[in-house]
Amino acid sequence: MQDYITDGVTWKDIEQLLFRYMQKEYGQLLQQVLEDIDRTLAEKRDKKRYALKDKRGIRM
């Protein structure tokens, strides 16, 4: 088996790179979805009953 291993990129390296990329993309997608939900809730709320609090920046 050692005869077939080269100094190039291994499957483990590819898997790790792909996993990191997917984490980054999923995080951005989740952030966008949550911001859209927050915006929709702020627009559709009962303005007489619920006051709009400040919009705080959240770091994920």
PDB file of N, CA and C in Angstrom:
ATOM      1  N   MET A   1       0.820  -1.191   0.000  1.00  0.00           N
ATOM      2  CA  MET A   1       0.000   0.000   0.000  1.00  0.00           C
ATOM      3  C   MET A   1       0.865   1.255   0.000  1.00  0.00           C
ATOM      4  N   GLN A   2       1.976   1.217   0.724  1.00  0.00           N
ATOM      5  CA  GLN A   2       2.862   2.370   0.790  1.00  0.00           C
ATOM      6  C   GLN A   2       3.414   2.738  -0.593  1.00  0.00           C
ATOM      7  N   ASP A   3       3.479   1.765  -1.486  1.00  0.00           N
ATOM      8  CA  ASP A   3       4.006   2.035  -2.824  1.00  0.00           C
ATOM      9  C   ASP A   3       3.103   2.988  -3.605  1.00  0.00           C
ATOM     10  N   TYR A   4       1.820   3.015  -3.264  1.00  0.00           N
ATOM     11  CA  TYR A   4       0.868   3.825  -4.016  1.00  0.00           C
ATOM     12  C   TYR A   4       0.680   5.227  -3.435  1.00  0.00           C
ATOM     13  N   ILE A   5       1.177   5.468  -2.241  1.00  0.00           N
ATOM     14  CA  ILE A   5       1.018   6.774  -1.609  1.00  0.00           C
ATOM     15  C   ILE A   5       2.054   7.731  -2.177  1.00  0.00           C
ATOM     16  N   THR A   6       1.588   8.892  -2.595  1.00  0.00           N
ATOM     17  CA  THR A   6       2.493   9.901  -3.143  1.00  0.00           C
ATOM     18  C   THR A   6       2.538  11.094  -2.199  1.00  0.00           C
ATOM     19  N   ASP A   7       3.326  12.070  -2.552  1.00  0.00           N
ATOM     20  CA  ASP A   7       3.427  13.280  -1.741  1.00  0.00           C
ATOM     21  C   ASP A   7       2.338  14.287  -2.101  1.00  0.00           C
ATOM     22  N   GLY A   8       1.414  13.916  -2.930  1.00  0.00           N
ATOM     23  CA  GLY A   8       0.349  14.822  -3.360  1.00  0.00           C
ATOM     24  C   GLY A   8      -0.751  14.947  -2.318  1.00  0.00           C
ATOM     25  N   VAL A   9      -1.871  15.443  -2.760  1.00  0.00           N
ATOM     26  CA  VAL A   9      -3.026  15.656  -1.893  1.00  0.00           C
ATOM     27  C   VAL A   9      -3.695  14.313  -1.600  1.00  0.00           C
ATOM     28  N   THR A  10      -4.014  14.086  -0.348  1.00  0.00           N
ATOM     29  CA  THR A  10      -4.676  12.841   0.039  1.00  0.00           C
ATOM     30  C   THR A  10      -6.184  13.057   0.111  1.00  0.00           C
ATOM     31  N   TRP A  11      -6.910  11.960   0.207  1.00  0.00           N
ATOM     32  CA  TRP A  11      -8.368  12.046   0.345  1.00  0.00           C
ATOM     33  C   TRP A  11      -8.748  12.767   1.631  1.00  0.00           C
ATOM     34  N   LYS A  12      -7.970  12.552   2.669  1.00  0.00           N
ATOM     35  CA  LYS A  12      -8.246  13.220   3.943  1.00  0.00           C
ATOM     36  C   LYS A  12      -8.124  14.735   3.793  1.00  0.00           C
ATOM     37  N   ASP A  13      -7.108  15.191   3.069  1.00  0.00           N
ATOM     38  CA  ASP A  13      -6.945  16.626   2.817  1.00  0.00           C
ATOM     39  C   ASP A  13      -8.136  17.182   2.042  1.00  0.00           C
ATOM     40  N   ILE A  14      -8.562  16.448   1.033  1.00  0.00           N
ATOM     41  CA  ILE A  14      -9.712  16.875   0.231  1.00  0.00           C
ATOM     42  C   ILE A  14     -10.962  16.948   1.099  1.00  0.00           C
ATOM     43  N   GLU A  15     -11.181  15.933   1.929  1.00  0.00           N
ATOM     44  CA  GLU A  15     -12.346  15.923   2.814  1.00  0.00           C
ATOM     45  C   GLU A  15     -12.322  17.101   3.780  1.00  0.00           C
ATOM     46  N   GLN A  16     -11.157  17.399   4.344  1.00  0.00           N
ATOM     47  CA  GLN A  16     -11.055  18.512   5.287  1.00  0.00           C
ATOM     48  C   GLN A  16     -11.316  19.848   4.598  1.00  0.00           C
ATOM     49  N   LEU A  17     -10.765  20.039   3.422  1.00  0.00           N
ATOM     50  CA  LEU A  17     -10.996  21.277   2.678  1.00  0.00           C
ATOM     51  C   LEU A  17     -12.468  21.434   2.309  1.00  0.00           C
ATOM     52  N   LEU A  18     -13.072  20.349   1.860  1.00  0.00           N
ATOM     53  CA  LEU A  18     -14.488  20.383   1.503  1.00  0.00           C
ATOM     54  C   LEU A  18     -15.352  20.670   2.722  1.00  0.00           C
ATOM     55  N   PHE A  19     -15.035  20.055   3.846  1.00  0.00           N
ATOM     56  CA  PHE A  19     -15.800  20.263   5.071  1.00  0.00           C
ATOM     57  C   PHE A  19     -15.710  21.717   5.527  1.00  0.00           C
ATOM     58  N   ARG A  20     -14.521  22.297   5.496  1.00  0.00           N
ATOM     59  CA  ARG A  20     -14.349  23.708   5.888  1.00  0.00           C
ATOM     60  C   ARG A  20     -15.110  24.632   4.949  1.00  0.00           C
ATOM     61  N   TYR A  21     -15.058  24.332   3.668  1.00  0.00           N
ATOM     62  CA  TYR A  21     -15.783  25.146   2.688  1.00  0.00           C
ATOM     63  C   TYR A  21     -17.287  25.074   2.938  1.00  0.00           C
ATOM     64  N   MET A  22     -17.789  23.866   3.179  1.00  0.00           N
ATOM     65  CA  MET A  22     -19.225  23.700   3.424  1.00  0.00           C
ATOM     66  C   MET A  22     -19.643  24.377   4.727  1.00  0.00           C
ATOM     67  N   GLN A  23     -18.820  24.351   5.753  1.00  0.00           N
ATOM     68  CA  GLN A  23     -19.117  25.054   7.001  1.00  0.00           C
ATOM     69  C   GLN A  23     -19.264  26.548   6.746  1.00  0.00           C
ATOM     70  N   LYS A  24     -18.341  27.097   5.981  1.00  0.00           N
ATOM     71  CA  LYS A  24     -18.371  28.530   5.682  1.00  0.00           C
ATOM     72  C   LYS A  24     -19.630  28.892   4.896  1.00  0.00           C
ATOM     73  N   GLU A  25     -19.938  28.121   3.873  1.00  0.00           N
ATOM     74  CA  GLU A  25     -21.111  28.394   3.046  1.00  0.00           C
ATOM     75  C   GLU A  25     -22.403  28.245   3.845  1.00  0.00           C
ATOM     76  N   TYR A  26     -22.503  27.201   4.654  1.00  0.00           N
ATOM     77  CA  TYR A  26     -23.700  26.988   5.461  1.00  0.00           C
ATOM     78  C   TYR A  26     -23.861  28.112   6.481  1.00  0.00           C
ATOM     79  N   GLY A  27     -22.771  28.563   7.066  1.00  0.00           N
ATOM     80  CA  GLY A  27     -22.835  29.668   8.022  1.00  0.00           C
ATOM     81  C   GLY A  27     -23.359  30.939   7.377  1.00  0.00           C
ATOM     82  N   GLN A  28     -22.896  31.234   6.164  1.00  0.00           N
ATOM     83  CA  GLN A  28     -23.371  32.417   5.451  1.00  0.00           C
ATOM     84  C   GLN A  28     -24.844  32.281   5.089  1.00  0.00           C
ATOM     85  N   LEU A  29     -25.248  31.105   4.643  1.00  0.00           N
ATOM     86  CA  LEU A  29     -26.647  30.869   4.296  1.00  0.00           C
ATOM     87  C   LEU A  29     -27.545  31.000   5.518  1.00  0.00           C
ATOM     88  N   LEU A  30     -27.134  30.418   6.625  1.00  0.00           N
ATOM     89  CA  LEU A  30     -27.912  30.491   7.856  1.00  0.00           C
ATOM     90  C   LEU A  30     -28.032  31.934   8.332  1.00  0.00           C
ATOM     91  N   GLN A  31     -26.961  32.685   8.250  1.00  0.00           N
ATOM     92  CA  GLN A  31     -26.990  34.089   8.652  1.00  0.00           C
ATOM     93  C   GLN A  31     -27.978  34.871   7.792  1.00  0.00           C
ATOM     94  N   GLN A  32     -27.966  34.638   6.496  1.00  0.00           N
ATOM     95  CA  GLN A  32     -28.872  35.339   5.593  1.00  0.00           C
ATOM     96  C   GLN A  32     -30.331  34.980   5.891  1.00  0.00           C
ATOM     97  N   VAL A  33     -30.604  33.713   6.119  1.00  0.00           N
ATOM     98  CA  VAL A  33     -31.969  33.276   6.424  1.00  0.00           C
ATOM     99  C   VAL A  33     -32.451  33.896   7.731  1.00  0.00           C
ATOM    100  N   LEU A  34     -31.612  33.883   8.757  1.00  0.00           N
ATOM    101  CA  LEU A  34     -32.006  34.456  10.044  1.00  0.00           C
ATOM    102  C   LEU A  34     -32.226  35.964   9.949  1.00  0.00           C
ATOM    103  N   GLU A  35     -31.408  36.651   9.168  1.00  0.00           N
ATOM    104  CA  GLU A  35     -31.604  38.090   8.980  1.00  0.00           C
ATOM    105  C   GLU A  35     -32.906  38.372   8.242  1.00  0.00           C
ATOM    106  N   ASP A  36     -33.238  37.545   7.250  1.00  0.00           N
ATOM    107  CA  ASP A  36     -34.505  37.710   6.534  1.00  0.00           C
ATOM    108  C   ASP A  36     -35.695  37.477   7.456  1.00  0.00           C
ATOM    109  N   ILE A  37     -35.613  36.462   8.298  1.00  0.00           N
ATOM    110  CA  ILE A  37     -36.685  36.189   9.259  1.00  0.00           C
ATOM    111  C   ILE A  37     -36.828  37.353  10.227  1.00  0.00           C
ATOM    112  N   ASP A  38     -35.713  37.868  10.712  1.00  0.00           N
ATOM    113  CA  ASP A  38     -35.731  38.993  11.642  1.00  0.00           C
ATOM    114  C   ASP A  38     -36.364  40.223  10.997  1.00  0.00           C
ATOM    115  N   ARG A  39     -36.005  40.492   9.761  1.00  0.00           N
ATOM    116  CA  ARG A  39     -36.557  41.635   9.037  1.00  0.00           C
ATOM    117  C   ARG A  39     -38.066  41.472   8.834  1.00  0.00           C
ATOM    118  N   THR A  40     -38.494  40.283   8.466  1.00  0.00           N
ATOM    119  CA  THR A  40     -39.917  40.020   8.258  1.00  0.00           C
ATOM    120  C   THR A  40     -40.695  40.176   9.555  1.00  0.00           C
ATOM    121  N   LEU A  41     -40.162  39.643  10.642  1.00  0.00           N
ATOM    122  CA  LEU A  41     -40.840  39.774  11.934  1.00  0.00           C
ATOM    123  C   LEU A  41     -40.932  41.233  12.369  1.00  0.00           C
ATOM    124  N   ALA A  42     -39.896  42.006  12.123  1.00  0.00           N
ATOM    125  CA  ALA A  42     -39.906  43.419  12.501  1.00  0.00           C
ATOM    126  C   ALA A  42     -40.951  44.191  11.701  1.00  0.00           C
ATOM    127  N   GLU A  43     -41.131  43.836  10.438  1.00  0.00           N
ATOM    128  CA  GLU A  43     -42.102  44.534   9.595  1.00  0.00           C
ATOM    129  C   GLU A  43     -43.537  44.124   9.909  1.00  0.00           C
ATOM    130  N   LYS A  44     -43.763  42.867  10.246  1.00  0.00           N
ATOM    131  CA  LYS A  44     -45.117  42.340  10.407  1.00  0.00           C
ATOM    132  C   LYS A  44     -45.622  42.352  11.847  1.00  0.00           C
ATOM    133  N   ARG A  45     -44.823  42.839  12.780  1.00  0.00           N
ATOM    134  CA  ARG A  45     -45.223  42.793  14.184  1.00  0.00           C
ATOM    135  C   ARG A  45     -46.403  43.727  14.438  1.00  0.00           C
ATOM    136  N   ASP A  46     -47.104  43.491  15.515  1.00  0.00           N
ATOM    137  CA  ASP A  46     -48.168  44.389  15.967  1.00  0.00           C
ATOM    138  C   ASP A  46     -47.480  45.583  16.626  1.00  0.00           C
ATOM    139  N   LYS A  47     -47.414  46.682  15.903  1.00  0.00           N
ATOM    140  CA  LYS A  47     -46.626  47.833  16.348  1.00  0.00           C
ATOM    141  C   LYS A  47     -47.185  48.485  17.604  1.00  0.00           C
ATOM    142  N   LYS A  48     -48.467  48.316  17.855  1.00  0.00           N
ATOM    143  CA  LYS A  48     -49.059  48.877  19.076  1.00  0.00           C
ATOM    144  C   LYS A  48     -48.690  48.044  20.298  1.00  0.00           C
ATOM    145  N   ARG A  49     -48.512  46.766  20.086  1.00  0.00           N
ATOM    146  CA  ARG A  49     -48.259  45.858  21.205  1.00  0.00           C
ATOM    147  C   ARG A  49     -46.771  45.632  21.457  1.00  0.00           C
ATOM    148  N   TYR A  50     -45.997  45.556  20.391  1.00  0.00           N
ATOM    149  CA  TYR A  50     -44.573  45.235  20.522  1.00  0.00           C
ATOM    150  C   TYR A  50     -43.722  46.387  19.998  1.00  0.00           C
ATOM    151  N   ALA A  51     -42.873  46.911  20.857  1.00  0.00           N
ATOM    152  CA  ALA A  51     -41.957  47.977  20.447  1.00  0.00           C
ATOM    153  C   ALA A  51     -40.722  47.354  19.805  1.00  0.00           C
ATOM    154  N   LEU A  52     -40.177  48.049  18.835  1.00  0.00           N
ATOM    155  CA  LEU A  52     -38.970  47.567  18.175  1.00  0.00           C
ATOM    156  C   LEU A  52     -37.761  47.955  19.014  1.00  0.00           C
ATOM    157  N   LYS A  53     -37.064  46.968  19.506  1.00  0.00           N
ATOM    158  CA  LYS A  53     -35.845  47.215  20.285  1.00  0.00           C
ATOM    159  C   LYS A  53     -34.703  47.495  19.315  1.00  0.00           C
ATOM    160  N   ASP A  54     -33.591  47.888  19.856  1.00  0.00           N
ATOM    161  CA  ASP A  54     -32.448  48.176  18.993  1.00  0.00           C
ATOM    162  C   ASP A  54     -31.996  46.918  18.265  1.00  0.00           C
ATOM    163  N   LYS A  55     -31.429  47.119  17.106  1.00  0.00           N
ATOM    164  CA  LYS A  55     -30.871  45.997  16.350  1.00  0.00           C
ATOM    165  C   LYS A  55     -29.404  45.888  16.717  1.00  0.00           C
ATOM    166  N   ARG A  56     -29.073  44.829  17.374  1.00  0.00           N
ATOM    167  CA  ARG A  56     -27.697  44.605  17.809  1.00  0.00           C
ATOM    168  C   ARG A  56     -26.984  43.718  16.798  1.00  0.00           C
ATOM    169  N   GLY A  57     -25.733  44.009  16.623  1.00  0.00           N
ATOM    170  CA  GLY A  57     -24.917  43.151  15.774  1.00  0.00           C
ATOM    171  C   GLY A  57     -24.514  41.908  16.547  1.00  0.00           C
ATOM    172  N   ILE A  58     -24.730  40.775  15.958  1.00  0.00           N
ATOM    173  CA  ILE A  58     -24.385  39.505  16.594  1.00  0.00           C
ATOM    174  C   ILE A  58     -23.289  38.850  15.760  1.00  0.00           C
ATOM    175  N   ARG A  59     -22.284  38.372  16.431  1.00  0.00           N
ATOM    176  CA  ARG A  59     -21.194  37.695  15.736  1.00  0.00           C
ATOM    177  C   ARG A  59     -21.331  36.198  15.959  1.00  0.00           C
ATOM    178  N   MET A  60     -21.334  35.458  14.892  1.00  0.00           N
ATOM    179  CA  MET A  60     -21.487  34.009  14.979  1.00  0.00           C
ATOM    180  C   MET A  60     -20.145  33.344  14.827  1.00  0.00           C
TER     181      MET A  60
END
